[in-house]
Amino acid sequence: MRPELKLVEDHGIAAAAFAEAMRALASGVVVVTCTVEGRPWGVTVTAFASVSADPPTVLVSLGSNGTAARAIAARRRFGVSILGGSQLDVAVRGSTPGAPKFLDAPAIEGALADLECEVSHSVDVADHTIFFGRVVRARTAPTGAPLLYHRRDYRRLAAGSAVAPPIERRRHA
């Protein structure tokens, strides 16, 4: 039996119901990097997505008043490190509210992939800024499983957890 879905009737209920619904979505975990006071800085986020393959474009949503959002708005550049299942400590460090998030390097060592981006557009929505970044460099590790975030907790994929074999893509003429 499926749990009953909550109906949203007013703005007071909407925020709580929306937050609860979004907890059901499993997300990859990334660290968005930038430069703060001349040093690398990284903040953990799950609000990250691919926008286009041509030209290669991604988006990230950050709290507008946060250190990273202000630094990215000023420099118009950011990096993205896609975290692997063994990088829980990195994710926790980058998500600790109010803590300094200085890094040793501009990219997270051991990440599944690293992207270097130039801001092409930004949009302010509510209390967040969405940065669209044109990817100017990409590096991918040859292997590794992702770190995920689901129902307010970090998770790893179980070995052999694929539900079906990969689907071969075919081009349509």
C-alpha atoms as a PDB file:
ATOM      1  CA  MET A   1       0.000   0.000   0.000  1.00  0.00           C
ATOM      2  CA  ARG A   2       1.368   3.411  -1.026  1.00  0.00           C
ATOM      3  CA  PRO A   3       1.649   6.147   1.584  1.00  0.00           C
ATOM      4  CA  GLU A   4      -0.831   8.942   1.046  1.00  0.00           C
ATOM      5  CA  LEU A   5       0.570  12.040  -0.682  1.00  0.00           C
ATOM      6  CA  LYS A   6       0.174  15.309   1.209  1.00  0.00           C
ATOM      7  CA  LEU A   7      -1.828  18.002  -0.558  1.00  0.00           C
ATOM      8  CA  VAL A   8      -0.498  21.550  -0.503  1.00  0.00           C
ATOM      9  CA  GLU A   9      -3.176  24.158   0.203  1.00  0.00           C
ATOM     10  CA  ASP A  10      -1.361  27.285   1.404  1.00  0.00           C
ATOM     11  CA  HIS A  11       2.157  28.693   1.620  1.00  0.00           C
ATOM     12  CA  GLY A  12       2.588  27.763   5.297  1.00  0.00           C
ATOM     13  CA  ILE A  13       2.029  24.104   4.503  1.00  0.00           C
ATOM     14  CA  ALA A  14       3.708  24.309   1.088  1.00  0.00           C
ATOM     15  CA  ALA A  15       7.250  24.779   2.373  1.00  0.00           C
ATOM     16  CA  ALA A  16       7.075  21.835   4.775  1.00  0.00           C
ATOM     17  CA  ALA A  17       5.279  19.580   2.298  1.00  0.00           C
ATOM     18  CA  PHE A  18       7.717  20.555  -0.445  1.00  0.00           C
ATOM     19  CA  ALA A  19      10.748  19.859   1.762  1.00  0.00           C
ATOM     20  CA  GLU A  20       9.322  16.463   2.701  1.00  0.00           C
ATOM     21  CA  ALA A  21       8.680  15.604  -0.959  1.00  0.00           C
ATOM     22  CA  MET A  22      12.219  16.611  -1.990  1.00  0.00           C
ATOM     23  CA  ARG A  23      13.663  14.285   0.663  1.00  0.00           C
ATOM     24  CA  ALA A  24      12.295  11.412  -1.449  1.00  0.00           C
ATOM     25  CA  LEU A  25      14.592  12.325  -4.341  1.00  0.00           C
ATOM     26  CA  ALA A  26      18.027  10.701  -4.218  1.00  0.00           C
ATOM     27  CA  SER A  27      20.681  13.161  -5.392  1.00  0.00           C
ATOM     28  CA  GLY A  28      24.333  12.947  -6.239  1.00  0.00           C
ATOM     29  CA  VAL A  29      26.598  14.902  -3.912  1.00  0.00           C
ATOM     30  CA  VAL A  30      29.015  17.512  -5.249  1.00  0.00           C
ATOM     31  CA  VAL A  31      31.364  20.053  -3.786  1.00  0.00           C
ATOM     32  CA  VAL A  32      31.186  23.403  -5.551  1.00  0.00           C
ATOM     33  CA  THR A  33      34.546  25.129  -5.370  1.00  0.00           C
ATOM     34  CA  CYS A  34      35.544  28.759  -5.734  1.00  0.00           C
ATOM     35  CA  THR A  35      38.176  31.177  -4.463  1.00  0.00           C
ATOM     36  CA  VAL A  36      37.668  33.025  -1.177  1.00  0.00           C
ATOM     37  CA  GLU A  37      40.355  35.364   0.153  1.00  0.00           C
ATOM     38  CA  GLY A  38      42.747  33.954  -2.456  1.00  0.00           C
ATOM     39  CA  ARG A  39      42.275  30.362  -1.254  1.00  0.00           C
ATOM     40  CA  PRO A  40      40.210  27.399  -2.538  1.00  0.00           C
ATOM     41  CA  TRP A  41      36.814  27.066  -0.802  1.00  0.00           C
ATOM     42  CA  GLY A  42      34.252  24.289  -1.181  1.00  0.00           C
ATOM     43  CA  VAL A  43      30.615  23.864  -0.223  1.00  0.00           C
ATOM     44  CA  THR A  44      28.634  20.614  -0.441  1.00  0.00           C
ATOM     45  CA  VAL A  45      25.451  20.749  -2.503  1.00  0.00           C
ATOM     46  CA  THR A  46      22.903  18.404  -4.045  1.00  0.00           C
ATOM     47  CA  ALA A  47      21.192  21.093  -6.168  1.00  0.00           C
ATOM     48  CA  PHE A  48      23.371  20.460  -9.227  1.00  0.00           C
ATOM     49  CA  ALA A  49      22.395  19.312 -12.716  1.00  0.00           C
ATOM     50  CA  SER A  50      23.551  18.943 -16.277  1.00  0.00           C
ATOM     51  CA  VAL A  51      21.787  21.436 -18.550  1.00  0.00           C
ATOM     52  CA  SER A  52      23.234  20.815 -22.023  1.00  0.00           C
ATOM     53  CA  ALA A  53      25.900  18.722 -23.737  1.00  0.00           C
ATOM     54  CA  ASP A  54      26.388  21.243 -26.550  1.00  0.00           C
ATOM     55  CA  PRO A  55      27.653  23.591 -25.334  1.00  0.00           C
ATOM     56  CA  PRO A  56      28.539  21.711 -22.144  1.00  0.00           C
ATOM     57  CA  THR A  57      26.573  23.528 -19.422  1.00  0.00           C
ATOM     58  CA  VAL A  58      25.668  22.750 -15.803  1.00  0.00           C
ATOM     59  CA  LEU A  59      23.725  24.545 -13.097  1.00  0.00           C
ATOM     60  CA  VAL A  60      24.154  24.847  -9.375  1.00  0.00           C
ATOM     61  CA  SER A  61      21.833  26.498  -6.864  1.00  0.00           C
ATOM     62  CA  LEU A  62      23.392  28.211  -3.846  1.00  0.00           C
ATOM     63  CA  GLY A  63      22.033  30.319  -1.022  1.00  0.00           C
ATOM     64  CA  SER A  64      22.443  33.892  -2.291  1.00  0.00           C
ATOM     65  CA  ASN A  65      23.957  35.194   0.947  1.00  0.00           C
ATOM     66  CA  GLY A  66      26.472  32.356   1.304  1.00  0.00           C
ATOM     67  CA  THR A  67      30.215  32.771   0.952  1.00  0.00           C
ATOM     68  CA  ALA A  68      30.387  30.610  -2.189  1.00  0.00           C
ATOM     69  CA  ALA A  69      27.559  32.413  -4.003  1.00  0.00           C
ATOM     70  CA  ARG A  70      29.127  35.812  -3.346  1.00  0.00           C
ATOM     71  CA  ALA A  71      32.572  34.598  -4.474  1.00  0.00           C
ATOM     72  CA  ILE A  72      31.217  33.000  -7.655  1.00  0.00           C
ATOM     73  CA  ALA A  73      29.186  36.107  -8.498  1.00  0.00           C
ATOM     74  CA  ALA A  74      32.337  38.216  -8.159  1.00  0.00           C
ATOM     75  CA  ARG A  75      34.813  35.967 -10.018  1.00  0.00           C
ATOM     76  CA  ARG A  76      32.349  34.388 -12.524  1.00  0.00           C
ATOM     77  CA  ARG A  77      34.094  30.994 -12.192  1.00  0.00           C
ATOM     78  CA  PHE A  78      33.473  27.832 -10.179  1.00  0.00           C
ATOM     79  CA  GLY A  79      34.451  24.194 -10.030  1.00  0.00           C
ATOM     80  CA  VAL A  80      32.417  21.087  -9.331  1.00  0.00           C
ATOM     81  CA  SER A  81      33.781  17.867  -7.831  1.00  0.00           C
ATOM     82  CA  ILE A  82      31.386  14.898  -8.022  1.00  0.00           C
ATOM     83  CA  LEU A  83      31.973  12.893  -4.856  1.00  0.00           C
ATOM     84  CA  GLY A  84      32.458   9.151  -4.635  1.00  0.00           C
ATOM     85  CA  GLY A  85      31.039   6.835  -1.998  1.00  0.00           C
ATOM     86  CA  SER A  86      34.241   6.938   0.035  1.00  0.00           C
ATOM     87  CA  GLN A  87      34.200  10.745   0.407  1.00  0.00           C
ATOM     88  CA  LEU A  88      31.656  11.140   3.182  1.00  0.00           C
ATOM     89  CA  ASP A  89      34.125  13.145   5.301  1.00  0.00           C
ATOM     90  CA  VAL A  90      34.520  15.690   2.487  1.00  0.00           C
ATOM     91  CA  ALA A  91      30.736  16.007   2.094  1.00  0.00           C
ATOM     92  CA  VAL A  92      30.195  16.533   5.822  1.00  0.00           C
ATOM     93  CA  ARG A  93      32.976  19.120   6.070  1.00  0.00           C
ATOM     94  CA  GLY A  94      31.549  21.111   3.146  1.00  0.00           C
ATOM     95  CA  SER A  95      28.017  21.044   4.561  1.00  0.00           C
ATOM     96  CA  THR A  96      28.727  22.127   8.139  1.00  0.00           C
ATOM     97  CA  PRO A  97      26.837  25.425   8.662  1.00  0.00           C
ATOM     98  CA  GLY A  98      28.987  28.384   9.630  1.00  0.00           C
ATOM     99  CA  ALA A  99      32.278  26.472   9.490  1.00  0.00           C
ATOM    100  CA  PRO A 100      35.162  27.684   7.288  1.00  0.00           C
ATOM    101  CA  LYS A 101      35.341  25.556   4.156  1.00  0.00           C
ATOM    102  CA  PHE A 102      38.867  26.253   2.913  1.00  0.00           C
ATOM    103  CA  LEU A 103      40.419  23.453   0.854  1.00  0.00           C
ATOM    104  CA  ASP A 104      43.968  22.327   0.102  1.00  0.00           C
ATOM    105  CA  ALA A 105      43.353  22.440  -3.666  1.00  0.00           C
ATOM    106  CA  PRO A 106      40.731  23.824  -6.079  1.00  0.00           C
ATOM    107  CA  ALA A 107      39.469  20.297  -6.901  1.00  0.00           C
ATOM    108  CA  ILE A 108      38.678  17.447  -4.503  1.00  0.00           C
ATOM    109  CA  GLU A 109      41.291  14.695  -4.728  1.00  0.00           C
ATOM    110  CA  GLY A 110      39.739  11.322  -5.547  1.00  0.00           C
ATOM    111  CA  ALA A 111      36.455  12.749  -6.855  1.00  0.00           C
ATOM    112  CA  LEU A 112      34.618  10.763  -9.551  1.00  0.00           C
ATOM    113  CA  ALA A 113      34.758  13.815 -11.818  1.00  0.00           C
ATOM    114  CA  ASP A 114      35.871  17.440 -11.698  1.00  0.00           C
ATOM    115  CA  LEU A 115      34.492  20.259 -13.832  1.00  0.00           C
ATOM    116  CA  GLU A 116      35.840  23.753 -14.285  1.00  0.00           C
ATOM    117  CA  CYS A 117      33.143  26.257 -15.262  1.00  0.00           C
ATOM    118  CA  GLU A 118      32.711  29.873 -16.325  1.00  0.00           C
ATOM    119  CA  VAL A 119      29.420  31.502 -15.360  1.00  0.00           C
ATOM    120  CA  SER A 120      27.310  32.165 -18.444  1.00  0.00           C
ATOM    121  CA  HIS A 121      24.133  33.259 -16.635  1.00  0.00           C
ATOM    122  CA  SER A 122      22.830  33.622 -13.116  1.00  0.00           C
ATOM    123  CA  VAL A 123      19.267  33.931 -11.879  1.00  0.00           C
ATOM    124  CA  ASP A 124      18.055  34.959  -8.430  1.00  0.00           C
ATOM    125  CA  VAL A 125      15.106  32.859  -7.259  1.00  0.00           C
ATOM    126  CA  ALA A 126      13.714  33.305  -3.734  1.00  0.00           C
ATOM    127  CA  ASP A 127      16.735  33.147  -1.394  1.00  0.00           C
ATOM    128  CA  HIS A 128      18.982  31.301  -3.876  1.00  0.00           C
ATOM    129  CA  THR A 129      21.076  32.124  -6.919  1.00  0.00           C
ATOM    130  CA  ILE A 130      21.190  29.633  -9.760  1.00  0.00           C
ATOM    131  CA  PHE A 131      24.500  29.767 -11.603  1.00  0.00           C
ATOM    132  CA  PHE A 132      24.685  28.353 -15.114  1.00  0.00           C
ATOM    133  CA  GLY A 133      28.259  27.369 -15.915  1.00  0.00           C
ATOM    134  CA  ARG A 134      29.837  26.668 -19.270  1.00  0.00           C
ATOM    135  CA  VAL A 135      32.175  23.719 -18.689  1.00  0.00           C
ATOM    136  CA  VAL A 136      35.672  24.583 -19.923  1.00  0.00           C
ATOM    137  CA  ARG A 137      37.470  21.523 -18.542  1.00  0.00           C
ATOM    138  CA  ALA A 138      36.350  18.082 -17.385  1.00  0.00           C
ATOM    139  CA  ARG A 139      38.226  15.205 -15.788  1.00  0.00           C
ATOM    140  CA  THR A 140      36.698  11.833 -14.973  1.00  0.00           C
ATOM    141  CA  ALA A 141      38.039   8.988 -12.821  1.00  0.00           C
ATOM    142  CA  PRO A 142      38.017   5.595 -14.575  1.00  0.00           C
ATOM    143  CA  THR A 143      36.000   3.865 -11.808  1.00  0.00           C
ATOM    144  CA  GLY A 144      34.024   4.525  -8.667  1.00  0.00           C
ATOM    145  CA  ALA A 145      30.520   4.613  -7.224  1.00  0.00           C
ATOM    146  CA  PRO A 146      28.775   7.874  -6.256  1.00  0.00           C
ATOM    147  CA  LEU A 147      27.964   9.306  -2.867  1.00  0.00           C
ATOM    148  CA  LEU A 148      24.213   9.932  -2.669  1.00  0.00           C
ATOM    149  CA  TYR A 149      21.927  11.990  -0.439  1.00  0.00           C
ATOM    150  CA  HIS A 150      18.447  10.644   0.323  1.00  0.00           C
ATOM    151  CA  ARG A 151      15.960  11.294   3.129  1.00  0.00           C
ATOM    152  CA  ARG A 152      18.368  13.641   4.925  1.00  0.00           C
ATOM    153  CA  ASP A 153      21.256  11.168   5.038  1.00  0.00           C
ATOM    154  CA  TYR A 154      24.277  10.267   2.942  1.00  0.00           C
ATOM    155  CA  ARG A 155      24.155   6.870   1.250  1.00  0.00           C
ATOM    156  CA  ARG A 156      26.275   4.605  -0.938  1.00  0.00           C
ATOM    157  CA  LEU A 157      25.159   2.248  -3.675  1.00  0.00           C
ATOM    158  CA  ALA A 158      25.252  -1.417  -2.701  1.00  0.00           C
ATOM    159  CA  ALA A 159      27.603  -3.567  -4.763  1.00  0.00           C
ATOM    160  CA  GLY A 160      25.724  -5.112  -7.666  1.00  0.00           C
ATOM    161  CA  SER A 161      22.682  -2.899  -7.006  1.00  0.00           C
ATOM    162  CA  ALA A 162      21.779  -2.180 -10.653  1.00  0.00           C
ATOM    163  CA  VAL A 163      18.139  -3.069 -11.321  1.00  0.00           C
ATOM    164  CA  ALA A 164      18.693  -3.771 -15.011  1.00  0.00           C
ATOM    165  CA  PRO A 165      21.599  -4.034 -17.414  1.00  0.00           C
ATOM    166  CA  PRO A 166      22.608  -0.783 -19.150  1.00  0.00           C
ATOM    167  CA  ILE A 167      20.443   0.134 -22.095  1.00  0.00           C
ATOM    168  CA  GLU A 168      22.310   0.566 -25.361  1.00  0.00           C
ATOM    169  CA  ARG A 169      21.420   3.901 -26.894  1.00  0.00           C
ATOM    170  CA  ARG A 170      20.583   4.048 -30.556  1.00  0.00           C
ATOM    171  CA  ARG A 171      20.695   7.127 -32.753  1.00  0.00           C
ATOM    172  CA  HIS A 172      17.572   7.992 -34.664  1.00  0.00           C
ATOM    173  CA  ALA A 173      18.024   9.075 -38.248  1.00  0.00           C
END
